[in-house]
C-alpha atoms as a PDB file:
ATOM      1  CA  UNK A   1     -10.112  60.813 -50.239  1.00  0.00           C
ATOM      2  CA  UNK A   2     -10.149  56.431 -50.887  1.00  0.00           C
ATOM      3  CA  UNK A   3      -6.297  56.402 -50.599  1.00  0.00           C
ATOM      4  CA  UNK A   4      -6.042  58.215 -47.189  1.00  0.00           C
ATOM      5  CA  UNK A   5      -8.955  55.397 -45.398  1.00  0.00           C
ATOM      6  CA  UNK A   6      -6.798  52.936 -47.425  1.00  0.00           C
ATOM      7  CA  UNK A   7      -3.785  54.176 -45.862  1.00  0.00           C
ATOM      8  CA  UNK A   8      -5.083  54.528 -42.290  1.00  0.00           C
ATOM      9  CA  UNK A   9      -6.774  51.035 -42.428  1.00  0.00           C
ATOM     10  CA  UNK A  10      -3.603  49.548 -44.111  1.00  0.00           C
ATOM     11  CA  UNK A  11      -1.155  51.114 -41.415  1.00  0.00           C
ATOM     12  CA  UNK A  12      -3.506  49.827 -38.438  1.00  0.00           C
ATOM     13  CA  UNK A  13      -4.013  46.427 -39.993  1.00  0.00           C
ATOM     14  CA  UNK A  14      -0.111  46.645 -39.747  1.00  0.00           C
ATOM     15  CA  UNK A  15       0.069  48.002 -36.359  1.00  0.00           C
ATOM     16  CA  UNK A  16      -2.147  45.706 -35.217  1.00  0.00           C
ATOM     17  CA  UNK A  17      -0.218  42.547 -36.793  1.00  0.00           C
ATOM     18  CA  UNK A  18       3.144  43.142 -35.139  1.00  0.00           C
ATOM     19  CA  UNK A  19       1.842  44.539 -31.904  1.00  0.00           C
ATOM     20  CA  UNK A  20       0.158  40.828 -30.855  1.00  0.00           C
ATOM     21  CA  UNK A  21       3.142  38.417 -32.748  1.00  0.00           C
ATOM     22  CA  UNK A  22       4.858  36.890 -29.874  1.00  0.00           C
ATOM     23  CA  UNK A  23       7.150  39.187 -27.952  1.00  0.00           C
ATOM     24  CA  UNK A  24       5.397  42.148 -29.099  1.00  0.00           C
ATOM     25  CA  UNK A  25       1.965  40.597 -27.438  1.00  0.00           C
ATOM     26  CA  UNK A  26       4.185  39.878 -23.800  1.00  0.00           C
ATOM     27  CA  UNK A  27       5.187  43.737 -23.592  1.00  0.00           C
ATOM     28  CA  UNK A  28       1.635  44.563 -24.002  1.00  0.00           C
ATOM     29  CA  UNK A  29      -0.113  42.048 -21.730  1.00  0.00           C
ATOM     30  CA  UNK A  30      -0.827  43.970 -17.808  1.00  0.00           C
ATOM     31  CA  UNK A  31      -0.753  42.168 -14.490  1.00  0.00           C
ATOM     32  CA  UNK A  32      -2.355  39.093 -13.970  1.00  0.00           C
ATOM     33  CA  UNK A  33      -2.069  38.584 -17.402  1.00  0.00           C
ATOM     34  CA  UNK A  34       0.352  35.537 -18.713  1.00  0.00           C
ATOM     35  CA  UNK A  35       2.317  34.611 -22.023  1.00  0.00           C
ATOM     36  CA  UNK A  36       3.394  30.904 -23.450  1.00  0.00           C
ATOM     37  CA  UNK A  37       6.797  32.328 -22.100  1.00  0.00           C
ATOM     38  CA  UNK A  38       5.153  32.571 -18.312  1.00  0.00           C
ATOM     39  CA  UNK A  39       3.230  29.278 -18.286  1.00  0.00           C
ATOM     40  CA  UNK A  40       6.118  27.354 -19.708  1.00  0.00           C
ATOM     41  CA  UNK A  41       8.068  28.694 -16.569  1.00  0.00           C
ATOM     42  CA  UNK A  42       5.430  26.876 -14.520  1.00  0.00           C
ATOM     43  CA  UNK A  43       5.276  23.721 -16.357  1.00  0.00           C
ATOM     44  CA  UNK A  44       7.756  22.070 -14.659  1.00  0.00           C
ATOM     45  CA  UNK A  45       8.118  24.068 -11.541  1.00  0.00           C
ATOM     46  CA  UNK A  46      11.917  24.686 -10.116  1.00  0.00           C
ATOM     47  CA  UNK A  47      13.290  25.551  -6.669  1.00  0.00           C
ATOM     48  CA  UNK A  48      16.060  28.203  -6.196  1.00  0.00           C
ATOM     49  CA  UNK A  49      18.124  25.723  -3.936  1.00  0.00           C
ATOM     50  CA  UNK A  50      18.638  23.317  -6.648  1.00  0.00           C
ATOM     51  CA  UNK A  51      15.893  21.097  -5.507  1.00  0.00           C
ATOM     52  CA  UNK A  52      12.864  20.428  -7.360  1.00  0.00           C
ATOM     53  CA  UNK A  53       9.338  20.956  -5.992  1.00  0.00           C
ATOM     54  CA  UNK A  54       7.130  17.621  -5.315  1.00  0.00           C
ATOM     55  CA  UNK A  55       4.769  16.844  -7.121  1.00  0.00           C
ATOM     56  CA  UNK A  56       1.798  15.721  -5.882  1.00  0.00           C
ATOM     57  CA  UNK A  57       1.637  13.034  -7.926  1.00  0.00           C
ATOM     58  CA  UNK A  58       4.552  11.611  -6.388  1.00  0.00           C
ATOM     59  CA  UNK A  59       3.421  11.786  -2.673  1.00  0.00           C
ATOM     60  CA  UNK A  60       0.137   9.852  -3.789  1.00  0.00           C
ATOM     61  CA  UNK A  61       2.109   7.105  -5.687  1.00  0.00           C
ATOM     62  CA  UNK A  62       4.106   7.480  -2.199  1.00  0.00           C
ATOM     63  CA  UNK A  63       1.158   6.579   0.041  1.00  0.00           C
ATOM     64  CA  UNK A  64       0.440   3.927  -2.683  1.00  0.00           C
ATOM     65  CA  UNK A  65       3.660   2.577  -2.001  1.00  0.00           C
ATOM     66  CA  UNK A  66       3.647   2.503   1.584  1.00  0.00           C
ATOM     67  CA  UNK A  67       0.004   0.838   1.468  1.00  0.00           C
ATOM     68  CA  UNK A  68       1.165  -2.028  -1.042  1.00  0.00           C
ATOM     69  CA  UNK A  69       4.299  -2.747   1.645  1.00  0.00           C
ATOM     70  CA  UNK A  70       2.237  -2.563   4.499  1.00  0.00           C
ATOM     71  CA  UNK A  71       0.039  -5.496   2.933  1.00  0.00           C
ATOM     72  CA  UNK A  72       3.102  -6.934   1.539  1.00  0.00           C
ATOM     73  CA  UNK A  73       4.167  -7.336   5.087  1.00  0.00           C
ATOM     74  CA  UNK A  74       0.670  -8.365   6.764  1.00  0.00           C
ATOM     75  CA  UNK A  75       0.654 -11.363   4.069  1.00  0.00           C
ATOM     76  CA  UNK A  76       4.188 -12.369   4.719  1.00  0.00           C
ATOM     77  CA  UNK A  77       3.697 -12.808   9.030  1.00  0.00           C
ATOM     78  CA  UNK A  78      -0.116 -14.654   8.307  1.00  0.00           C
ATOM     79  CA  UNK A  79       1.673 -17.109   5.712  1.00  0.00           C
ATOM     80  CA  UNK A  80       4.436 -17.670   8.692  1.00  0.00           C
ATOM     81  CA  UNK A  81       1.905 -17.564  11.006  1.00  0.00           C
ATOM     82  CA  UNK A  82      -1.209 -19.554   9.739  1.00  0.00           C
ATOM     83  CA  UNK A  83       0.391 -22.870   9.384  1.00  0.00           C
ATOM     84  CA  UNK A  84       1.336 -23.099  12.967  1.00  0.00           C
ATOM     85  CA  UNK A  85      -2.220 -21.542  14.201  1.00  0.00           C
ATOM     86  CA  UNK A  86      -3.519 -24.406  11.857  1.00  0.00           C
ATOM     87  CA  UNK A  87      -1.220 -26.385  13.535  1.00  0.00           C
ATOM     88  CA  UNK A  88      -2.187 -26.030  16.824  1.00  0.00           C
ATOM     89  CA  UNK A  89      -5.982 -25.881  16.230  1.00  0.00           C
ATOM     90  CA  UNK A  90      -5.907 -29.613  14.881  1.00  0.00           C
ATOM     91  CA  UNK A  91      -3.600 -30.895  17.645  1.00  0.00           C
ATOM     92  CA  UNK A  92      -6.214 -29.942  19.968  1.00  0.00           C
ATOM     93  CA  UNK A  93      -9.006 -31.285  17.420  1.00  0.00           C
ATOM     94  CA  UNK A  94      -7.153 -34.257  17.966  1.00  0.00           C
ATOM     95  CA  UNK A  95      -7.044 -34.358  21.181  1.00  0.00           C
ATOM     96  CA  UNK A  96     -10.797 -33.532  21.964  1.00  0.00           C
ATOM     97  CA  UNK A  97     -11.407 -36.238  18.930  1.00  0.00           C
ATOM     98  CA  UNK A  98      -9.194 -38.789  21.643  1.00  0.00           C
ATOM     99  CA  UNK A  99     -10.723 -38.106  24.436  1.00  0.00           C
ATOM    100  CA  UNK A 100     -14.421 -37.996  22.990  1.00  0.00           C
ATOM    101  CA  UNK A 101     -14.073 -41.459  21.316  1.00  0.00           C
ATOM    102  CA  UNK A 102     -17.002 -44.118  22.488  1.00  0.00           C
ATOM    103  CA  UNK A 103     -19.023 -46.546  20.915  1.00  0.00           C
ATOM    104  CA  UNK A 104     -22.983 -46.128  21.291  1.00  0.00           C
ATOM    105  CA  UNK A 105     -22.588 -48.289  24.642  1.00  0.00           C
ATOM    106  CA  UNK A 106     -20.525 -45.632  26.021  1.00  0.00           C
ATOM    107  CA  UNK A 107     -17.468 -47.824  25.482  1.00  0.00           C
ATOM    108  CA  UNK A 108     -13.488 -47.217  25.068  1.00  0.00           C
ATOM    109  CA  UNK A 109     -13.041 -47.927  21.598  1.00  0.00           C
ATOM    110  CA  UNK A 110      -9.124 -47.856  21.795  1.00  0.00           C
ATOM    111  CA  UNK A 111      -7.649 -49.712  24.953  1.00  0.00           C
ATOM    112  CA  UNK A 112      -6.034 -46.868  27.132  1.00  0.00           C
ATOM    113  CA  UNK A 113      -2.491 -47.729  26.148  1.00  0.00           C
ATOM    114  CA  UNK A 114      -3.080 -46.894  22.518  1.00  0.00           C
ATOM    115  CA  UNK A 115      -5.147 -44.064  23.337  1.00  0.00           C
ATOM    116  CA  UNK A 116      -2.640 -42.307  25.988  1.00  0.00           C
ATOM    117  CA  UNK A 117       0.269 -42.856  23.012  1.00  0.00           C
ATOM    118  CA  UNK A 118      -2.079 -40.939  20.760  1.00  0.00           C
ATOM    119  CA  UNK A 119      -2.876 -38.470  23.184  1.00  0.00           C
ATOM    120  CA  UNK A 120       0.821 -38.275  24.124  1.00  0.00           C
ATOM    121  CA  UNK A 121       1.709 -37.411  20.115  1.00  0.00           C
ATOM    122  CA  UNK A 122      -0.987 -34.768  20.188  1.00  0.00           C
ATOM    123  CA  UNK A 123      -0.084 -33.152  23.003  1.00  0.00           C
ATOM    124  CA  UNK A 124       3.579 -32.805  21.739  1.00  0.00           C
ATOM    125  CA  UNK A 125       2.441 -31.642  18.707  1.00  0.00           C
ATOM    126  CA  UNK A 126       0.399 -29.234  20.210  1.00  0.00           C
ATOM    127  CA  UNK A 127       3.085 -28.092  22.459  1.00  0.00           C
ATOM    128  CA  UNK A 128       5.652 -27.997  19.984  1.00  0.00           C
ATOM    129  CA  UNK A 129       3.090 -25.465  17.716  1.00  0.00           C
ATOM    130  CA  UNK A 130       2.607 -23.284  20.492  1.00  0.00           C
ATOM    131  CA  UNK A 131       6.429 -22.863  21.357  1.00  0.00           C
ATOM    132  CA  UNK A 132       6.846 -22.221  17.469  1.00  0.00           C
ATOM    133  CA  UNK A 133       3.963 -19.815  17.710  1.00  0.00           C
ATOM    134  CA  UNK A 134       5.790 -18.167  20.863  1.00  0.00           C
ATOM    135  CA  UNK A 135       9.295 -17.902  19.216  1.00  0.00           C
ATOM    136  CA  UNK A 136       7.271 -16.195  15.957  1.00  0.00           C
ATOM    137  CA  UNK A 137       5.008 -13.823  18.478  1.00  0.00           C
ATOM    138  CA  UNK A 138       8.365 -13.012  20.159  1.00  0.00           C
ATOM    139  CA  UNK A 139      10.047 -12.244  16.634  1.00  0.00           C
ATOM    140  CA  UNK A 140       7.408 -10.370  15.326  1.00  0.00           C
ATOM    141  CA  UNK A 141       7.365  -8.332  18.790  1.00  0.00           C
ATOM    142  CA  UNK A 142      10.876  -7.051  17.876  1.00  0.00           C
ATOM    143  CA  UNK A 143       9.968  -6.329  14.071  1.00  0.00           C
ATOM    144  CA  UNK A 144       7.246  -4.489  15.587  1.00  0.00           C
ATOM    145  CA  UNK A 145       4.514  -6.182  13.990  1.00  0.00           C
ATOM    146  CA  UNK A 146       0.741  -6.332  14.938  1.00  0.00           C
ATOM    147  CA  UNK A 147      -0.354  -9.300  17.029  1.00  0.00           C
ATOM    148  CA  UNK A 148      -3.216 -10.074  15.000  1.00  0.00           C
ATOM    149  CA  UNK A 149      -0.724 -10.038  11.884  1.00  0.00           C
ATOM    150  CA  UNK A 150       0.420 -13.722  12.605  1.00  0.00           C
ATOM    151  CA  UNK A 151      -2.642 -14.510  13.284  1.00  0.00           C
ATOM    152  CA  UNK A 152      -4.387 -13.565  10.135  1.00  0.00           C
ATOM    153  CA  UNK A 153      -7.262 -11.370  12.135  1.00  0.00           C
ATOM    154  CA  UNK A 154      -6.845  -8.340   9.820  1.00  0.00           C
END
């Protein structure tokens, strides 16, 4: 009797051992159950037309790249426009300072000819800077750049 029990236990053990190994296990998986071979198929999904399916991380990295490119473009146009805007501001400040130069008694500090020459020089600087800004505005508009980028208003 002991021999029969040991034989049955041994047979069941061998059957279970061989049944649940690699390929034999795949035969016993029912619907909704996956083995390692099934999972390997889906680790790197392939399309039937030879192209690989897009990866979500690629989409995120593409969005990040486009944001980086936009930031670089914004900085480029801002760096081109900032010196011109600064020159316009400086010229206006110089003109205003020349117009407001008085002594404590309210008399002009500079003779009219010197004051006129300096004001004309500042007006030429202002005119040149404004025309340079207009040219840059046209160039940026042709390139599709938003107007605030040139004046660094972002």
